[in-house]
Amino acid sequence: MTFAYGREPVLTDVSFSVRRGEFAALVGPNGSGKSTLLRVLVGLLRPQQGEARIFGVEPRALRDRWRIGYVPQRPALTGDLPATVEEVVQAGRLAHRGWWRRPKPLDSEAVEHALVAVALADLRRRPTAELSGGQQQRVMIAKALAGEPDLLVLDEPIAGVDREAQQQFRDSVVHLVEHHGATVLLVSHELGAVADDLDRVIVLKRRVLFDGAPAELVERGVSLGVHHDDLPLWLEHLEDRNHIEIP
């Protein structure tokens, strides 16, 4: 799969497949194309060459949109949105029940579980404009979790949050994978909080430089807890192909 903004290539011959129930991390330096790749995967952008497929279909053709939970980098929750934490998280259920139907007990249970998972149950009545940046990020993660997605796509979800919040994030994502069989694709520069839980690490710098087990990267002397601007040159020769797919 290849994508460019105008004549500037951002992704070149990118190819990988994420399996159902897998916890995979996508890492790479700033400007490597990570956020662009996520936008292609969720159907916000279309590749110029090759294809991206989610659950066997092109992302924009996916009818059950609730199957994808997407948390963008630094989501905006400001005073322009006069909503409480709980109201924002409840919006994560709309794709399941439709805006015209009244919430059912199952919807309330999913919202409650999501709030507890990110440790925001005590702040459910708090206006989102009064929250810190890290708390607002957790609200958006809870909204995605409330939808009980089959695929959770997270773009830098723990950037700028404290260690306790990172641990709460880790616990909620691991629960989603282990107990609901969800697939998680995480973009992050800091993988320390989830390093022991990852199944795979995909290193991207306009193309796939590495795709394998975290232990293999560690054995080669690459730390999962540091920025990846200085990834060793041996990654450059690894093979890449022409499509990506999440079955």
C-alpha atoms as a PDB file:
ATOM      1  CA  MET A   1       0.000   0.000   0.000  1.00  0.00           C
ATOM      2  CA  THR A   2       1.290   3.454  -0.960  1.00  0.00           C
ATOM      3  CA  PHE A   3       0.018   6.893   0.050  1.00  0.00           C
ATOM      4  CA  ALA A   4       1.205  10.425  -0.730  1.00  0.00           C
ATOM      5  CA  TYR A   5       0.084  13.961  -0.002  1.00  0.00           C
ATOM      6  CA  GLY A   6       0.432  15.509  -3.438  1.00  0.00           C
ATOM      7  CA  ARG A   7       3.867  14.497  -4.713  1.00  0.00           C
ATOM      8  CA  GLU A   8       5.266  13.850  -1.245  1.00  0.00           C
ATOM      9  CA  PRO A   9       5.265  10.102  -0.452  1.00  0.00           C
ATOM     10  CA  VAL A  10       4.286   9.306   3.126  1.00  0.00           C
ATOM     11  CA  LEU A  11       3.870   5.519   2.931  1.00  0.00           C
ATOM     12  CA  THR A  12       5.659   3.332   0.383  1.00  0.00           C
ATOM     13  CA  ASP A  13       4.873  -0.364  -0.216  1.00  0.00           C
ATOM     14  CA  VAL A  14       3.604  -0.844   3.340  1.00  0.00           C
ATOM     15  CA  SER A  15       2.426  -4.374   4.087  1.00  0.00           C
ATOM     16  CA  PHE A  16       1.390  -6.146   7.275  1.00  0.00           C
ATOM     17  CA  SER A  17      -1.519  -8.145   8.666  1.00  0.00           C
ATOM     18  CA  VAL A  18      -2.808  -7.982  12.233  1.00  0.00           C
ATOM     19  CA  ARG A  19      -4.513 -11.134  13.458  1.00  0.00           C
ATOM     20  CA  ARG A  20      -7.716 -11.297  15.486  1.00  0.00           C
ATOM     21  CA  GLY A  21      -7.094 -10.993  19.229  1.00  0.00           C
ATOM     22  CA  GLU A  22      -3.585  -9.640  18.749  1.00  0.00           C
ATOM     23  CA  PHE A  23      -2.052  -6.725  20.657  1.00  0.00           C
ATOM     24  CA  ALA A  24       0.275  -4.999  18.197  1.00  0.00           C
ATOM     25  CA  ALA A  25       2.260  -1.771  18.489  1.00  0.00           C
ATOM     26  CA  LEU A  26       3.172   0.515  15.596  1.00  0.00           C
ATOM     27  CA  VAL A  27       6.281   2.575  16.290  1.00  0.00           C
ATOM     28  CA  GLY A  28       8.545   4.907  14.365  1.00  0.00           C
ATOM     29  CA  PRO A  29      10.035   8.405  14.424  1.00  0.00           C
ATOM     30  CA  ASN A  30       7.994  11.568  13.953  1.00  0.00           C
ATOM     31  CA  GLY A  31       7.014  11.947  10.310  1.00  0.00           C
ATOM     32  CA  SER A  32       7.267   8.214   9.621  1.00  0.00           C
ATOM     33  CA  GLY A  33       3.634   7.967   8.472  1.00  0.00           C
ATOM     34  CA  LYS A  34       2.093   6.334  11.544  1.00  0.00           C
ATOM     35  CA  SER A  35      -0.921   8.625  11.932  1.00  0.00           C
ATOM     36  CA  THR A  36      -1.503   8.618   8.165  1.00  0.00           C
ATOM     37  CA  LEU A  37      -1.514   4.828   8.180  1.00  0.00           C
ATOM     38  CA  LEU A  38      -4.111   4.767  10.962  1.00  0.00           C
ATOM     39  CA  ARG A  39      -6.333   7.157   8.998  1.00  0.00           C
ATOM     40  CA  VAL A  40      -6.119   4.808   6.030  1.00  0.00           C
ATOM     41  CA  LEU A  41      -7.040   1.851   8.212  1.00  0.00           C
ATOM     42  CA  VAL A  42     -10.168   3.492   9.617  1.00  0.00           C
ATOM     43  CA  GLY A  43     -11.270   4.767   6.203  1.00  0.00           C
ATOM     44  CA  LEU A  44     -10.495   8.477   6.561  1.00  0.00           C
ATOM     45  CA  LEU A  45      -7.948   8.301   3.724  1.00  0.00           C
ATOM     46  CA  ARG A  46      -7.611   6.097   0.639  1.00  0.00           C
ATOM     47  CA  PRO A  47      -4.273   4.712  -0.628  1.00  0.00           C
ATOM     48  CA  GLN A  48      -3.148   5.641  -4.129  1.00  0.00           C
ATOM     49  CA  GLN A  49      -1.779   2.134  -4.705  1.00  0.00           C
ATOM     50  CA  GLY A  50      -2.559  -1.199  -3.099  1.00  0.00           C
ATOM     51  CA  GLU A  51      -5.332  -1.698  -0.582  1.00  0.00           C
ATOM     52  CA  ALA A  52      -6.232  -1.740   3.090  1.00  0.00           C
ATOM     53  CA  ARG A  53      -8.840  -4.181   4.371  1.00  0.00           C
ATOM     54  CA  ILE A  54     -10.630  -4.375   7.721  1.00  0.00           C
ATOM     55  CA  PHE A  55     -12.475  -7.598   8.533  1.00  0.00           C
ATOM     56  CA  GLY A  56     -12.176  -8.609   4.893  1.00  0.00           C
ATOM     57  CA  VAL A  57     -13.550  -5.424   3.312  1.00  0.00           C
ATOM     58  CA  GLU A  58     -12.278  -1.991   2.299  1.00  0.00           C
ATOM     59  CA  PRO A  59     -12.564   0.267   5.403  1.00  0.00           C
ATOM     60  CA  ARG A  60     -15.154   2.628   3.896  1.00  0.00           C
ATOM     61  CA  ALA A  61     -17.323  -0.343   2.949  1.00  0.00           C
ATOM     62  CA  LEU A  62     -17.532  -1.663   6.514  1.00  0.00           C
ATOM     63  CA  ARG A  63     -21.203  -1.473   7.529  1.00  0.00           C
ATOM     64  CA  ASP A  64     -20.840  -2.288  11.242  1.00  0.00           C
ATOM     65  CA  ARG A  65     -18.788   0.761  12.191  1.00  0.00           C
ATOM     66  CA  TRP A  66     -19.029  -0.148  15.875  1.00  0.00           C
ATOM     67  CA  ARG A  67     -16.499  -2.900  15.182  1.00  0.00           C
ATOM     68  CA  ILE A  68     -13.766  -0.225  15.030  1.00  0.00           C
ATOM     69  CA  GLY A  69     -12.928   1.953  18.005  1.00  0.00           C
ATOM     70  CA  TYR A  70     -10.603   4.804  17.026  1.00  0.00           C
ATOM     71  CA  VAL A  71      -8.947   7.217  19.464  1.00  0.00           C
ATOM     72  CA  PRO A  72      -7.041   9.927  17.550  1.00  0.00           C
ATOM     73  CA  GLN A  73      -3.966  11.701  18.841  1.00  0.00           C
ATOM     74  CA  ARG A  74      -4.800  14.527  21.274  1.00  0.00           C
ATOM     75  CA  PRO A  75      -8.601  14.484  20.801  1.00  0.00           C
ATOM     76  CA  ALA A  76     -10.259  17.860  21.423  1.00  0.00           C
ATOM     77  CA  LEU A  77     -12.605  18.105  24.411  1.00  0.00           C
ATOM     78  CA  THR A  78     -13.147  21.762  25.237  1.00  0.00           C
ATOM     79  CA  GLY A  79     -15.685  24.112  26.742  1.00  0.00           C
ATOM     80  CA  ASP A  80     -17.387  24.151  23.337  1.00  0.00           C
ATOM     81  CA  LEU A  81     -18.672  20.675  24.226  1.00  0.00           C
ATOM     82  CA  PRO A  82     -20.949  21.114  27.297  1.00  0.00           C
ATOM     83  CA  ALA A  83     -20.989  17.433  28.200  1.00  0.00           C
ATOM     84  CA  THR A  84     -20.087  15.373  31.223  1.00  0.00           C
ATOM     85  CA  VAL A  85     -17.677  12.463  31.221  1.00  0.00           C
ATOM     86  CA  GLU A  86     -20.525   9.957  31.279  1.00  0.00           C
ATOM     87  CA  GLU A  87     -22.373  11.648  28.404  1.00  0.00           C
ATOM     88  CA  VAL A  88     -19.302  11.497  26.167  1.00  0.00           C
ATOM     89  CA  VAL A  89     -18.724   7.827  27.002  1.00  0.00           C
ATOM     90  CA  GLN A  90     -22.408   7.035  26.363  1.00  0.00           C
ATOM     91  CA  ALA A  91     -21.940   8.360  22.823  1.00  0.00           C
ATOM     92  CA  GLY A  92     -19.732   5.326  22.215  1.00  0.00           C
ATOM     93  CA  ARG A  93     -22.868   3.159  22.237  1.00  0.00           C
ATOM     94  CA  LEU A  94     -24.687   5.017  19.458  1.00  0.00           C
ATOM     95  CA  ALA A  95     -23.225   2.891  16.681  1.00  0.00           C
ATOM     96  CA  HIS A  96     -24.696  -0.169  18.420  1.00  0.00           C
ATOM     97  CA  ARG A  97     -28.234   1.027  19.180  1.00  0.00           C
ATOM     98  CA  GLY A  98     -28.720   4.041  16.907  1.00  0.00           C
ATOM     99  CA  TRP A  99     -29.421   7.573  18.140  1.00  0.00           C
ATOM    100  CA  TRP A 100     -33.208   7.090  17.862  1.00  0.00           C
ATOM    101  CA  ARG A 101     -33.427   4.173  20.329  1.00  0.00           C
ATOM    102  CA  ARG A 102     -33.501   4.435  24.106  1.00  0.00           C
ATOM    103  CA  PRO A 103     -30.504   2.941  25.972  1.00  0.00           C
ATOM    104  CA  LYS A 104     -30.916  -0.626  27.187  1.00  0.00           C
ATOM    105  CA  PRO A 105     -29.409  -2.209  30.318  1.00  0.00           C
ATOM    106  CA  LEU A 106     -26.660  -3.667  28.130  1.00  0.00           C
ATOM    107  CA  ASP A 107     -25.701  -0.147  27.029  1.00  0.00           C
ATOM    108  CA  SER A 108     -25.520   1.075  30.627  1.00  0.00           C
ATOM    109  CA  GLU A 109     -23.399  -1.904  31.627  1.00  0.00           C
ATOM    110  CA  ALA A 110     -20.935  -1.260  28.793  1.00  0.00           C
ATOM    111  CA  VAL A 111     -20.625   2.425  29.759  1.00  0.00           C
ATOM    112  CA  GLU A 112     -20.089   1.553  33.407  1.00  0.00           C
ATOM    113  CA  HIS A 113     -17.438  -1.018  32.555  1.00  0.00           C
ATOM    114  CA  ALA A 114     -15.620   1.476  30.347  1.00  0.00           C
ATOM    115  CA  LEU A 115     -15.617   4.147  33.057  1.00  0.00           C
ATOM    116  CA  VAL A 116     -14.257   1.711  35.615  1.00  0.00           C
ATOM    117  CA  ALA A 117     -11.649   0.393  33.170  1.00  0.00           C
ATOM    118  CA  VAL A 118     -10.022   3.834  32.839  1.00  0.00           C
ATOM    119  CA  ALA A 119     -10.643   4.844  36.475  1.00  0.00           C
ATOM    120  CA  LEU A 120     -13.105   7.629  35.696  1.00  0.00           C
ATOM    121  CA  ALA A 121     -16.198   6.305  37.481  1.00  0.00           C
ATOM    122  CA  ASP A 122     -15.825   8.876  40.265  1.00  0.00           C
ATOM    123  CA  LEU A 123     -15.689  11.697  37.708  1.00  0.00           C
ATOM    124  CA  ARG A 124     -18.708  10.634  35.645  1.00  0.00           C
ATOM    125  CA  ARG A 125     -20.648  13.861  36.419  1.00  0.00           C
ATOM    126  CA  ARG A 126     -17.683  16.155  35.842  1.00  0.00           C
ATOM    127  CA  PRO A 127     -17.824  18.437  32.761  1.00  0.00           C
ATOM    128  CA  THR A 128     -15.109  17.364  30.351  1.00  0.00           C
ATOM    129  CA  ALA A 129     -13.858  20.956  30.058  1.00  0.00           C
ATOM    130  CA  GLU A 130     -12.733  20.757  33.713  1.00  0.00           C
ATOM    131  CA  LEU A 131     -10.520  17.708  33.164  1.00  0.00           C
ATOM    132  CA  SER A 132      -6.774  17.584  32.620  1.00  0.00           C
ATOM    133  CA  GLY A 133      -5.397  16.599  29.231  1.00  0.00           C
ATOM    134  CA  GLY A 134      -4.620  13.089  30.466  1.00  0.00           C
ATOM    135  CA  GLN A 135      -8.121  12.673  31.886  1.00  0.00           C
ATOM    136  CA  GLN A 136      -9.680  13.860  28.634  1.00  0.00           C
ATOM    137  CA  GLN A 137      -7.625  11.284  26.775  1.00  0.00           C
ATOM    138  CA  ARG A 138      -8.950   8.581  29.105  1.00  0.00           C
ATOM    139  CA  VAL A 139     -12.517   9.779  28.419  1.00  0.00           C
ATOM    140  CA  MET A 140     -11.998   9.170  24.706  1.00  0.00           C
ATOM    141  CA  ILE A 141     -10.511   5.748  25.382  1.00  0.00           C
ATOM    142  CA  ALA A 142     -13.529   4.927  27.555  1.00  0.00           C
ATOM    143  CA  LYS A 143     -15.848   6.079  24.767  1.00  0.00           C
ATOM    144  CA  ALA A 144     -14.109   3.673  22.371  1.00  0.00           C
ATOM    145  CA  LEU A 145     -14.216   0.860  24.934  1.00  0.00           C
ATOM    146  CA  ALA A 146     -17.941   1.401  25.535  1.00  0.00           C
ATOM    147  CA  GLY A 147     -18.578   0.484  21.929  1.00  0.00           C
ATOM    148  CA  GLU A 148     -17.055  -2.962  22.615  1.00  0.00           C
ATOM    149  CA  PRO A 149     -15.128  -2.882  19.319  1.00  0.00           C
ATOM    150  CA  ASP A 150     -13.513  -5.854  17.649  1.00  0.00           C
ATOM    151  CA  LEU A 151     -10.615  -3.581  16.672  1.00  0.00           C
ATOM    152  CA  LEU A 152      -9.325  -0.778  18.895  1.00  0.00           C
ATOM    153  CA  VAL A 153      -7.005   1.695  17.125  1.00  0.00           C
ATOM    154  CA  LEU A 154      -5.120   4.056  19.440  1.00  0.00           C
ATOM    155  CA  ASP A 155      -2.917   6.946  18.302  1.00  0.00           C
ATOM    156  CA  GLU A 156      -0.501   7.994  21.082  1.00  0.00           C
ATOM    157  CA  PRO A 157      -3.084   7.337  23.829  1.00  0.00           C
ATOM    158  CA  ILE A 158      -0.730   7.830  26.779  1.00  0.00           C
ATOM    159  CA  ALA A 159       1.365  10.740  25.523  1.00  0.00           C
ATOM    160  CA  GLY A 160       1.818  13.235  28.340  1.00  0.00           C
ATOM    161  CA  VAL A 161      -0.037  11.250  31.024  1.00  0.00           C
ATOM    162  CA  ASP A 162       1.430  10.180  34.360  1.00  0.00           C
ATOM    163  CA  ARG A 163       2.590   6.690  35.297  1.00  0.00           C
ATOM    164  CA  GLU A 164      -0.616   5.836  37.174  1.00  0.00           C
ATOM    165  CA  ALA A 165      -2.739   6.744  34.151  1.00  0.00           C
ATOM    166  CA  GLN A 166      -0.438   4.653  31.938  1.00  0.00           C
ATOM    167  CA  GLN A 167      -0.998   1.649  34.205  1.00  0.00           C
ATOM    168  CA  GLN A 168      -4.778   2.163  34.122  1.00  0.00           C
ATOM    169  CA  PHE A 169      -4.618   2.321  30.354  1.00  0.00           C
ATOM    170  CA  ARG A 170      -2.562  -0.864  30.226  1.00  0.00           C
ATOM    171  CA  ASP A 171      -5.024  -2.747  32.458  1.00  0.00           C
ATOM    172  CA  SER A 172      -8.058  -1.692  30.402  1.00  0.00           C
ATOM    173  CA  VAL A 173      -6.483  -2.658  27.062  1.00  0.00           C
ATOM    174  CA  VAL A 174      -5.203  -6.016  28.320  1.00  0.00           C
ATOM    175  CA  HIS A 175      -8.704  -6.757  29.691  1.00  0.00           C
ATOM    176  CA  LEU A 176     -10.217  -5.954  26.292  1.00  0.00           C
ATOM    177  CA  VAL A 177      -7.816  -8.329  24.542  1.00  0.00           C
ATOM    178  CA  GLU A 178      -7.941 -11.195  27.040  1.00  0.00           C
ATOM    179  CA  HIS A 179     -11.644 -11.166  27.939  1.00  0.00           C
ATOM    180  CA  HIS A 180     -13.285  -9.878  24.759  1.00  0.00           C
ATOM    181  CA  GLY A 181     -10.898 -11.193  22.110  1.00  0.00           C
ATOM    182  CA  ALA A 182     -10.446  -7.716  20.633  1.00  0.00           C
ATOM    183  CA  THR A 183      -7.605  -6.720  18.335  1.00  0.00           C
ATOM    184  CA  VAL A 184      -5.582  -3.690  19.441  1.00  0.00           C
ATOM    185  CA  LEU A 185      -3.292  -1.609  17.237  1.00  0.00           C
ATOM    186  CA  LEU A 186      -1.394   0.917  19.326  1.00  0.00           C
ATOM    187  CA  VAL A 187       0.755   3.788  18.065  1.00  0.00           C
ATOM    188  CA  SER A 188       3.122   5.058  20.751  1.00  0.00           C
ATOM    189  CA  HIS A 189       6.655   6.268  21.309  1.00  0.00           C
ATOM    190  CA  GLU A 190       6.510   4.957  24.869  1.00  0.00           C
ATOM    191  CA  LEU A 191       5.875   1.222  25.041  1.00  0.00           C
ATOM    192  CA  GLY A 192       7.252   0.647  28.528  1.00  0.00           C
ATOM    193  CA  ALA A 193       3.802   0.374  30.141  1.00  0.00           C
ATOM    194  CA  VAL A 194       2.679  -2.388  27.752  1.00  0.00           C
ATOM    195  CA  ALA A 195       5.995  -3.933  26.636  1.00  0.00           C
ATOM    196  CA  ASP A 196       5.349  -7.213  28.462  1.00  0.00           C
ATOM    197  CA  ASP A 197       1.861  -7.557  26.971  1.00  0.00           C
ATOM    198  CA  LEU A 198       2.570  -6.942  23.282  1.00  0.00           C
ATOM    199  CA  ASP A 199       2.371  -9.741  20.756  1.00  0.00           C
ATOM    200  CA  ARG A 200       4.078  -7.799  17.965  1.00  0.00           C
ATOM    201  CA  VAL A 201       5.943  -4.622  17.180  1.00  0.00           C
ATOM    202  CA  ILE A 202       5.786  -3.057  13.708  1.00  0.00           C
ATOM    203  CA  VAL A 203       8.464  -0.450  12.999  1.00  0.00           C
ATOM    204  CA  LEU A 204       7.519   2.088  10.345  1.00  0.00           C
ATOM    205  CA  LYS A 205       9.576   4.727   8.574  1.00  0.00           C
ATOM    206  CA  ARG A 206       7.531   5.313   5.427  1.00  0.00           C
ATOM    207  CA  ARG A 207       7.826   1.582   4.884  1.00  0.00           C
ATOM    208  CA  VAL A 208       7.852  -1.405   7.233  1.00  0.00           C
ATOM    209  CA  LEU A 209      11.376  -1.831   8.600  1.00  0.00           C
ATOM    210  CA  PHE A 210      10.581  -4.521  11.163  1.00  0.00           C
ATOM    211  CA  ASP A 211       7.601  -6.708  12.004  1.00  0.00           C
ATOM    212  CA  GLY A 212       8.026  -9.282  14.734  1.00  0.00           C
ATOM    213  CA  ALA A 213       8.028 -10.198  18.403  1.00  0.00           C
ATOM    214  CA  PRO A 214       9.121  -7.586  20.974  1.00  0.00           C
ATOM    215  CA  ALA A 215      11.753  -9.988  22.290  1.00  0.00           C
ATOM    216  CA  GLU A 216      13.493  -9.983  18.920  1.00  0.00           C
ATOM    217  CA  LEU A 217      13.857  -6.199  19.006  1.00  0.00           C
ATOM    218  CA  VAL A 218      15.148  -6.319  22.568  1.00  0.00           C
ATOM    219  CA  GLU A 219      17.684  -9.011  21.638  1.00  0.00           C
ATOM    220  CA  ARG A 220      18.981  -6.677  18.918  1.00  0.00           C
ATOM    221  CA  GLY A 221      19.513  -3.909  21.467  1.00  0.00           C
ATOM    222  CA  VAL A 222      16.447  -1.794  20.668  1.00  0.00           C
ATOM    223  CA  SER A 223      14.646  -0.563  23.797  1.00  0.00           C
ATOM    224  CA  LEU A 224      10.851  -0.419  23.678  1.00  0.00           C
ATOM    225  CA  GLY A 225      10.821   2.531  26.077  1.00  0.00           C
ATOM    226  CA  VAL A 226      12.721   5.101  24.029  1.00  0.00           C
ATOM    227  CA  HIS A 227      12.056   7.162  20.938  1.00  0.00           C
ATOM    228  CA  HIS A 228      12.816   5.284  17.753  1.00  0.00           C
ATOM    229  CA  ASP A 229      14.633   7.991  15.782  1.00  0.00           C
ATOM    230  CA  ASP A 230      17.831   6.000  16.256  1.00  0.00           C
ATOM    231  CA  LEU A 231      16.658   2.556  15.163  1.00  0.00           C
ATOM    232  CA  PRO A 232      19.677   0.579  13.948  1.00  0.00           C
ATOM    233  CA  LEU A 233      20.368   0.547  10.230  1.00  0.00           C
ATOM    234  CA  TRP A 234      20.024  -3.241  10.028  1.00  0.00           C
ATOM    235  CA  LEU A 235      16.238  -2.734   9.950  1.00  0.00           C
ATOM    236  CA  GLU A 236      16.459  -1.038   6.560  1.00  0.00           C
ATOM    237  CA  HIS A 237      16.856  -4.209   4.516  1.00  0.00           C
ATOM    238  CA  LEU A 238      13.783  -6.062   5.814  1.00  0.00           C
ATOM    239  CA  GLU A 239      11.257  -7.073   3.205  1.00  0.00           C
ATOM    240  CA  ASP A 240       8.001  -5.153   2.639  1.00  0.00           C
ATOM    241  CA  ARG A 241       5.075  -5.866   0.295  1.00  0.00           C
ATOM    242  CA  ASN A 242       2.085  -4.069  -1.176  1.00  0.00           C
ATOM    243  CA  HIS A 243      -1.034  -4.411   1.007  1.00  0.00           C
ATOM    244  CA  ILE A 244      -2.202  -4.429   4.607  1.00  0.00           C
ATOM    245  CA  GLU A 245      -5.029  -6.424   6.106  1.00  0.00           C
ATOM    246  CA  ILE A 246      -6.769  -7.001   9.440  1.00  0.00           C
ATOM    247  CA  PRO A 247      -8.790 -10.201   9.119  1.00  0.00           C
END
